[in-house]
Amino acid sequence: MAEEVRSDGGYLRSLGVTAILLMPVNEFAGDDSWGYNPAFFYAVESAYGGPEALKRFVDVCHQHGIAVLLDVVFNHAGTSENALWAVARDSFFKGDTTWGALINFAHPQVGHFFEQNLRFLVRHYRVDGFRLDHTWTIRYSDRVGAYVTSQGSPGGWEFLHKLRRAAHAENPGVILLAEHLPNEWDLTNVGGPMDSQW
């Protein structure tokens, strides 16, 4: 991964590339996945080369003036091979989505876990920002609808603010992008938890 960026870094810069967004890199369940069924939030997927490969990739990108953003899946989790599902199901999950178990955003332990996860990724891998997967599900986790199939806890709005504070405590320059459909402007207005949305 890093070797490809090293050889093409000049080319990417000549195109005006300033950032690369990686799909989820945390360990996922099974062998065939895009990473949207997270199993271990603090581990880098071994099939991608593990933690050292991610560190090298980020370093090489930075050498070429390219920022690295990570796609993180904090709205739901896979239940197969998921450590949290196995040991702390009652505190970490409440409700369900079309993709998997809904995170329990109102639980203090859960907030702390994911705040520290962002801080860990910024500190150890020096990533420059995050794209949060389907923030609509986080914000409206207590509403049954198109994506939430079983009502979860409230607290998603404050959860997003906690993530912002945690990431910025580690590095004030970290950017937070929301996959939020449809767009809601208070998410990125002054006082909102996100910097941008798509």
C-alpha atoms as a PDB file:
ATOM      1  CA  MET A   1       0.000   0.000   0.000  1.00  0.00           C
ATOM      2  CA  ALA A   2       2.659   2.533   1.011  1.00  0.00           C
ATOM      3  CA  GLU A   3       4.925   1.486  -1.863  1.00  0.00           C
ATOM      4  CA  GLU A   4       2.207   2.329  -4.400  1.00  0.00           C
ATOM      5  CA  VAL A   5       1.744   5.809  -2.932  1.00  0.00           C
ATOM      6  CA  ARG A   6       5.516   6.302  -2.847  1.00  0.00           C
ATOM      7  CA  SER A   7       5.847   5.532  -6.553  1.00  0.00           C
ATOM      8  CA  ASP A   8       2.775   7.564  -7.543  1.00  0.00           C
ATOM      9  CA  GLY A   9       2.957  10.379  -4.989  1.00  0.00           C
ATOM     10  CA  GLY A  10       4.279  12.888  -7.513  1.00  0.00           C
ATOM     11  CA  TYR A  11       1.609  11.887 -10.011  1.00  0.00           C
ATOM     12  CA  LEU A  12      -1.154  12.207  -7.438  1.00  0.00           C
ATOM     13  CA  ARG A  13       0.119  15.652  -6.467  1.00  0.00           C
ATOM     14  CA  SER A  14       0.240  16.689 -10.135  1.00  0.00           C
ATOM     15  CA  LEU A  15      -3.473  15.885 -10.321  1.00  0.00           C
ATOM     16  CA  GLY A  16      -4.105  18.169  -7.354  1.00  0.00           C
ATOM     17  CA  VAL A  17      -4.832  15.319  -4.931  1.00  0.00           C
ATOM     18  CA  THR A  18      -4.622  16.649  -1.381  1.00  0.00           C
ATOM     19  CA  ALA A  19      -6.234  13.797   0.565  1.00  0.00           C
ATOM     20  CA  ILE A  20      -6.962  10.084   0.387  1.00  0.00           C
ATOM     21  CA  LEU A  21     -10.011   8.602   2.092  1.00  0.00           C
ATOM     22  CA  LEU A  22      -9.599   4.963   3.103  1.00  0.00           C
ATOM     23  CA  MET A  23     -12.572   2.696   3.583  1.00  0.00           C
ATOM     24  CA  PRO A  24     -12.779   1.161   7.087  1.00  0.00           C
ATOM     25  CA  VAL A  25      -9.471  -0.403   8.104  1.00  0.00           C
ATOM     26  CA  ASN A  26     -10.498  -1.927  11.458  1.00  0.00           C
ATOM     27  CA  GLU A  27     -10.620  -5.706  11.777  1.00  0.00           C
ATOM     28  CA  PHE A  28     -13.867  -7.018  10.364  1.00  0.00           C
ATOM     29  CA  ALA A  29     -15.720 -10.309  10.562  1.00  0.00           C
ATOM     30  CA  GLY A  30     -15.143 -12.856   7.829  1.00  0.00           C
ATOM     31  CA  ASP A  31     -12.797 -12.800   4.866  1.00  0.00           C
ATOM     32  CA  ASP A  32     -14.898 -10.940   2.289  1.00  0.00           C
ATOM     33  CA  SER A  33     -15.864  -7.469   3.463  1.00  0.00           C
ATOM     34  CA  TRP A  34     -15.475  -3.765   2.758  1.00  0.00           C
ATOM     35  CA  GLY A  35     -15.046  -3.238   6.511  1.00  0.00           C
ATOM     36  CA  TYR A  36     -18.584  -2.131   7.325  1.00  0.00           C
ATOM     37  CA  ASN A  37     -19.103  -5.011   9.760  1.00  0.00           C
ATOM     38  CA  PRO A  38     -16.553  -3.982  12.394  1.00  0.00           C
ATOM     39  CA  ALA A  39     -15.400  -6.632  14.828  1.00  0.00           C
ATOM     40  CA  PHE A  40     -12.382  -5.042  16.579  1.00  0.00           C
ATOM     41  CA  PHE A  41     -12.391  -1.244  16.552  1.00  0.00           C
ATOM     42  CA  TYR A  42      -8.804  -0.768  17.761  1.00  0.00           C
ATOM     43  CA  ALA A  43      -7.163  -3.331  15.462  1.00  0.00           C
ATOM     44  CA  VAL A  44      -6.108  -2.724  11.861  1.00  0.00           C
ATOM     45  CA  GLU A  45      -7.320  -5.449   9.488  1.00  0.00           C
ATOM     46  CA  SER A  46      -4.573  -8.059   9.115  1.00  0.00           C
ATOM     47  CA  ALA A  47      -5.427  -8.590   5.435  1.00  0.00           C
ATOM     48  CA  TYR A  48      -4.421  -4.944   4.863  1.00  0.00           C
ATOM     49  CA  GLY A  49      -1.012  -5.447   6.467  1.00  0.00           C
ATOM     50  CA  GLY A  50      -1.905  -4.600  10.065  1.00  0.00           C
ATOM     51  CA  PRO A  51      -0.872  -1.540  12.067  1.00  0.00           C
ATOM     52  CA  GLU A  52       2.649  -1.134  10.686  1.00  0.00           C
ATOM     53  CA  ALA A  53       1.380  -1.027   7.107  1.00  0.00           C
ATOM     54  CA  LEU A  54      -1.113   1.699   7.991  1.00  0.00           C
ATOM     55  CA  LYS A  55       1.609   3.726   9.739  1.00  0.00           C
ATOM     56  CA  ARG A  56       3.882   3.440   6.678  1.00  0.00           C
ATOM     57  CA  PHE A  57       1.025   4.401   4.374  1.00  0.00           C
ATOM     58  CA  VAL A  58       0.212   7.542   6.362  1.00  0.00           C
ATOM     59  CA  ASP A  59       3.888   8.505   6.598  1.00  0.00           C
ATOM     60  CA  VAL A  60       4.391   8.180   2.846  1.00  0.00           C
ATOM     61  CA  CYS A  61       1.232  10.149   2.100  1.00  0.00           C
ATOM     62  CA  HIS A  62       2.390  12.921   4.431  1.00  0.00           C
ATOM     63  CA  GLN A  63       5.803  12.974   2.732  1.00  0.00           C
ATOM     64  CA  HIS A  64       3.951  13.767  -0.497  1.00  0.00           C
ATOM     65  CA  GLY A  65       1.725  16.395   1.106  1.00  0.00           C
ATOM     66  CA  ILE A  66      -1.354  14.165   1.047  1.00  0.00           C
ATOM     67  CA  ALA A  67      -3.692  13.950   4.037  1.00  0.00           C
ATOM     68  CA  VAL A  68      -5.186  10.619   5.093  1.00  0.00           C
ATOM     69  CA  LEU A  69      -8.804  10.290   6.211  1.00  0.00           C
ATOM     70  CA  LEU A  70     -10.293   7.122   7.671  1.00  0.00           C
ATOM     71  CA  ASP A  71     -13.849   5.905   7.241  1.00  0.00           C
ATOM     72  CA  VAL A  72     -15.087   4.828  10.686  1.00  0.00           C
ATOM     73  CA  VAL A  73     -18.229   2.828  11.375  1.00  0.00           C
ATOM     74  CA  PHE A  74     -19.626   3.938  14.728  1.00  0.00           C
ATOM     75  CA  ASN A  75     -23.337   3.602  13.949  1.00  0.00           C
ATOM     76  CA  HIS A  76     -23.570  -0.185  13.968  1.00  0.00           C
ATOM     77  CA  ALA A  77     -21.403  -3.266  14.343  1.00  0.00           C
ATOM     78  CA  GLY A  78     -21.295  -6.793  13.109  1.00  0.00           C
ATOM     79  CA  THR A  79     -22.126  -9.420  15.726  1.00  0.00           C
ATOM     80  CA  SER A  80     -20.082 -12.229  14.227  1.00  0.00           C
ATOM     81  CA  GLU A  81     -16.593 -12.347  15.771  1.00  0.00           C
ATOM     82  CA  ASN A  82     -17.226  -8.986  17.484  1.00  0.00           C
ATOM     83  CA  ALA A  83     -15.491  -8.738  20.868  1.00  0.00           C
ATOM     84  CA  LEU A  84     -17.955  -6.143  22.196  1.00  0.00           C
ATOM     85  CA  TRP A  85     -20.931  -8.280  21.237  1.00  0.00           C
ATOM     86  CA  ALA A  86     -19.366 -11.228  23.039  1.00  0.00           C
ATOM     87  CA  VAL A  87     -18.438  -9.495  26.307  1.00  0.00           C
ATOM     88  CA  ALA A  88     -20.518  -6.311  26.673  1.00  0.00           C
ATOM     89  CA  ARG A  89     -23.621  -6.707  24.542  1.00  0.00           C
ATOM     90  CA  ASP A  90     -26.023  -5.176  27.078  1.00  0.00           C
ATOM     91  CA  SER A  91     -24.083  -1.932  27.465  1.00  0.00           C
ATOM     92  CA  PHE A  92     -22.704  -1.407  23.939  1.00  0.00           C
ATOM     93  CA  PHE A  93     -25.761  -2.250  21.845  1.00  0.00           C
ATOM     94  CA  LYS A  94     -29.397  -1.235  21.887  1.00  0.00           C
ATOM     95  CA  GLY A  95     -31.658  -1.580  18.873  1.00  0.00           C
ATOM     96  CA  ASP A  96     -30.905  -2.794  15.380  1.00  0.00           C
ATOM     97  CA  THR A  97     -30.259  -1.489  11.875  1.00  0.00           C
ATOM     98  CA  THR A  98     -30.473  -2.959   8.408  1.00  0.00           C
ATOM     99  CA  TRP A  99     -26.670  -3.476   8.627  1.00  0.00           C
ATOM    100  CA  GLY A 100     -26.246  -4.856  12.148  1.00  0.00           C
ATOM    101  CA  ALA A 101     -26.610  -4.139  15.855  1.00  0.00           C
ATOM    102  CA  LEU A 102     -27.152  -0.462  16.721  1.00  0.00           C
ATOM    103  CA  ILE A 103     -24.628   1.179  19.025  1.00  0.00           C
ATOM    104  CA  ASN A 104     -26.020   2.339  22.400  1.00  0.00           C
ATOM    105  CA  PHE A 105     -25.084   6.028  22.119  1.00  0.00           C
ATOM    106  CA  ALA A 106     -26.527   7.015  25.511  1.00  0.00           C
ATOM    107  CA  HIS A 107     -24.269   4.749  27.580  1.00  0.00           C
ATOM    108  CA  PRO A 108     -21.251   6.607  29.103  1.00  0.00           C
ATOM    109  CA  GLN A 109     -18.993   3.582  28.634  1.00  0.00           C
ATOM    110  CA  VAL A 110     -19.799   3.562  24.917  1.00  0.00           C
ATOM    111  CA  GLY A 111     -19.085   7.260  24.507  1.00  0.00           C
ATOM    112  CA  HIS A 112     -15.742   6.878  26.258  1.00  0.00           C
ATOM    113  CA  PHE A 113     -14.809   3.840  24.148  1.00  0.00           C
ATOM    114  CA  PHE A 114     -15.370   5.585  20.820  1.00  0.00           C
ATOM    115  CA  GLU A 115     -13.884   8.910  21.959  1.00  0.00           C
ATOM    116  CA  GLN A 116     -10.710   7.067  22.910  1.00  0.00           C
ATOM    117  CA  ASN A 117     -10.803   5.154  19.627  1.00  0.00           C
ATOM    118  CA  LEU A 118     -10.596   8.386  17.614  1.00  0.00           C
ATOM    119  CA  ARG A 119      -7.870   9.731  19.877  1.00  0.00           C
ATOM    120  CA  PHE A 120      -5.924   6.483  19.455  1.00  0.00           C
ATOM    121  CA  LEU A 121      -6.148   6.643  15.665  1.00  0.00           C
ATOM    122  CA  VAL A 122      -4.997  10.264  15.586  1.00  0.00           C
ATOM    123  CA  ARG A 123      -2.167   9.711  18.079  1.00  0.00           C
ATOM    124  CA  HIS A 124      -0.758   6.409  16.807  1.00  0.00           C
ATOM    125  CA  TYR A 125      -1.393   6.648  13.076  1.00  0.00           C
ATOM    126  CA  ARG A 126      -1.350  10.453  12.677  1.00  0.00           C
ATOM    127  CA  VAL A 127      -4.467  10.415  10.479  1.00  0.00           C
ATOM    128  CA  ASP A 128      -5.829  13.798   9.481  1.00  0.00           C
ATOM    129  CA  GLY A 129      -9.546  13.199   9.707  1.00  0.00           C
ATOM    130  CA  PHE A 130     -12.487  10.857   9.718  1.00  0.00           C
ATOM    131  CA  ARG A 131     -15.559  10.163   7.633  1.00  0.00           C
ATOM    132  CA  LEU A 132     -18.303   8.889   9.947  1.00  0.00           C
ATOM    133  CA  ASP A 133     -20.504   6.266   8.351  1.00  0.00           C
ATOM    134  CA  HIS A 134     -24.205   7.107   8.123  1.00  0.00           C
ATOM    135  CA  THR A 135     -24.531   9.751  10.842  1.00  0.00           C
ATOM    136  CA  TRP A 136     -28.305   9.923  10.274  1.00  0.00           C
ATOM    137  CA  THR A 137     -28.518   6.565  12.050  1.00  0.00           C
ATOM    138  CA  ILE A 138     -26.484   7.963  14.942  1.00  0.00           C
ATOM    139  CA  ARG A 139     -28.522  11.141  15.257  1.00  0.00           C
ATOM    140  CA  TYR A 140     -31.901   9.392  14.986  1.00  0.00           C
ATOM    141  CA  SER A 141     -31.095   6.062  16.616  1.00  0.00           C
ATOM    142  CA  ASP A 142     -34.268   6.247  18.689  1.00  0.00           C
ATOM    143  CA  ARG A 143     -36.531   6.461  15.605  1.00  0.00           C
ATOM    144  CA  VAL A 144     -37.619   3.350  13.746  1.00  0.00           C
ATOM    145  CA  GLY A 145     -37.469   4.073  10.031  1.00  0.00           C
ATOM    146  CA  ALA A 146     -35.713   3.148   6.811  1.00  0.00           C
ATOM    147  CA  TYR A 147     -32.430   2.153   8.486  1.00  0.00           C
ATOM    148  CA  VAL A 148     -33.236   1.745  12.180  1.00  0.00           C
ATOM    149  CA  THR A 149     -35.295  -1.435  12.352  1.00  0.00           C
ATOM    150  CA  SER A 150     -35.495  -1.688  16.147  1.00  0.00           C
ATOM    151  CA  GLN A 151     -35.464   1.433  18.325  1.00  0.00           C
ATOM    152  CA  GLY A 152     -32.200   2.286  20.013  1.00  0.00           C
ATOM    153  CA  SER A 153     -31.285   4.782  22.694  1.00  0.00           C
ATOM    154  CA  PRO A 154     -31.342   8.551  22.280  1.00  0.00           C
ATOM    155  CA  GLY A 155     -28.079  10.439  22.693  1.00  0.00           C
ATOM    156  CA  GLY A 156     -26.648  10.312  19.185  1.00  0.00           C
ATOM    157  CA  TRP A 157     -26.392  14.103  18.829  1.00  0.00           C
ATOM    158  CA  GLU A 158     -24.323  14.421  22.008  1.00  0.00           C
ATOM    159  CA  PHE A 159     -22.306  11.349  20.966  1.00  0.00           C
ATOM    160  CA  LEU A 160     -21.261  13.179  17.767  1.00  0.00           C
ATOM    161  CA  HIS A 161     -20.231  16.216  19.820  1.00  0.00           C
ATOM    162  CA  LYS A 162     -18.184  13.985  22.141  1.00  0.00           C
ATOM    163  CA  LEU A 163     -16.362  12.527  19.145  1.00  0.00           C
ATOM    164  CA  ARG A 164     -15.552  16.011  17.886  1.00  0.00           C
ATOM    165  CA  ARG A 165     -14.205  17.143  21.253  1.00  0.00           C
ATOM    166  CA  ALA A 166     -12.103  13.993  21.600  1.00  0.00           C
ATOM    167  CA  ALA A 167     -10.559  14.200  18.129  1.00  0.00           C
ATOM    168  CA  HIS A 168      -9.786  17.905  18.530  1.00  0.00           C
ATOM    169  CA  ALA A 169      -8.286  17.340  21.964  1.00  0.00           C
ATOM    170  CA  GLU A 170      -5.726  15.124  20.245  1.00  0.00           C
ATOM    171  CA  ASN A 171      -5.252  17.401  17.209  1.00  0.00           C
ATOM    172  CA  PRO A 172      -7.326  20.580  16.658  1.00  0.00           C
ATOM    173  CA  GLY A 173      -6.732  20.284  12.906  1.00  0.00           C
ATOM    174  CA  VAL A 174      -8.528  16.946  12.520  1.00  0.00           C
ATOM    175  CA  ILE A 175     -11.491  17.176  10.150  1.00  0.00           C
ATOM    176  CA  LEU A 176     -14.768  15.296  10.684  1.00  0.00           C
ATOM    177  CA  LEU A 177     -16.935  14.448   7.669  1.00  0.00           C
ATOM    178  CA  ALA A 178     -20.455  13.064   7.955  1.00  0.00           C
ATOM    179  CA  GLU A 179     -22.153  10.709   5.548  1.00  0.00           C
ATOM    180  CA  HIS A 180     -25.556  12.217   6.233  1.00  0.00           C
ATOM    181  CA  LEU A 181     -28.484  11.576   3.914  1.00  0.00           C
ATOM    182  CA  PRO A 182     -30.389  13.779   3.487  1.00  0.00           C
ATOM    183  CA  ASN A 183     -28.148  16.703   4.425  1.00  0.00           C
ATOM    184  CA  GLU A 184     -29.110  18.654   7.552  1.00  0.00           C
ATOM    185  CA  TRP A 185     -27.338  21.966   7.879  1.00  0.00           C
ATOM    186  CA  ASP A 186     -27.269  22.150  11.673  1.00  0.00           C
ATOM    187  CA  LEU A 187     -24.841  19.233  11.541  1.00  0.00           C
ATOM    188  CA  THR A 188     -22.155  21.517  10.081  1.00  0.00           C
ATOM    189  CA  ASN A 189     -23.328  24.997  11.104  1.00  0.00           C
ATOM    190  CA  VAL A 190     -21.635  26.842  13.956  1.00  0.00           C
ATOM    191  CA  GLY A 191     -21.999  24.645  17.024  1.00  0.00           C
ATOM    192  CA  GLY A 192     -22.618  21.499  14.972  1.00  0.00           C
ATOM    193  CA  PRO A 193     -20.461  18.429  15.537  1.00  0.00           C
ATOM    194  CA  MET A 194     -19.235  17.940  11.959  1.00  0.00           C
ATOM    195  CA  ASP A 195     -16.994  19.992   9.664  1.00  0.00           C
ATOM    196  CA  SER A 196     -18.533  18.788   6.405  1.00  0.00           C
ATOM    197  CA  GLN A 197     -21.083  16.311   5.092  1.00  0.00           C
ATOM    198  CA  TRP A 198     -21.776  14.364   1.927  1.00  0.00           C
END
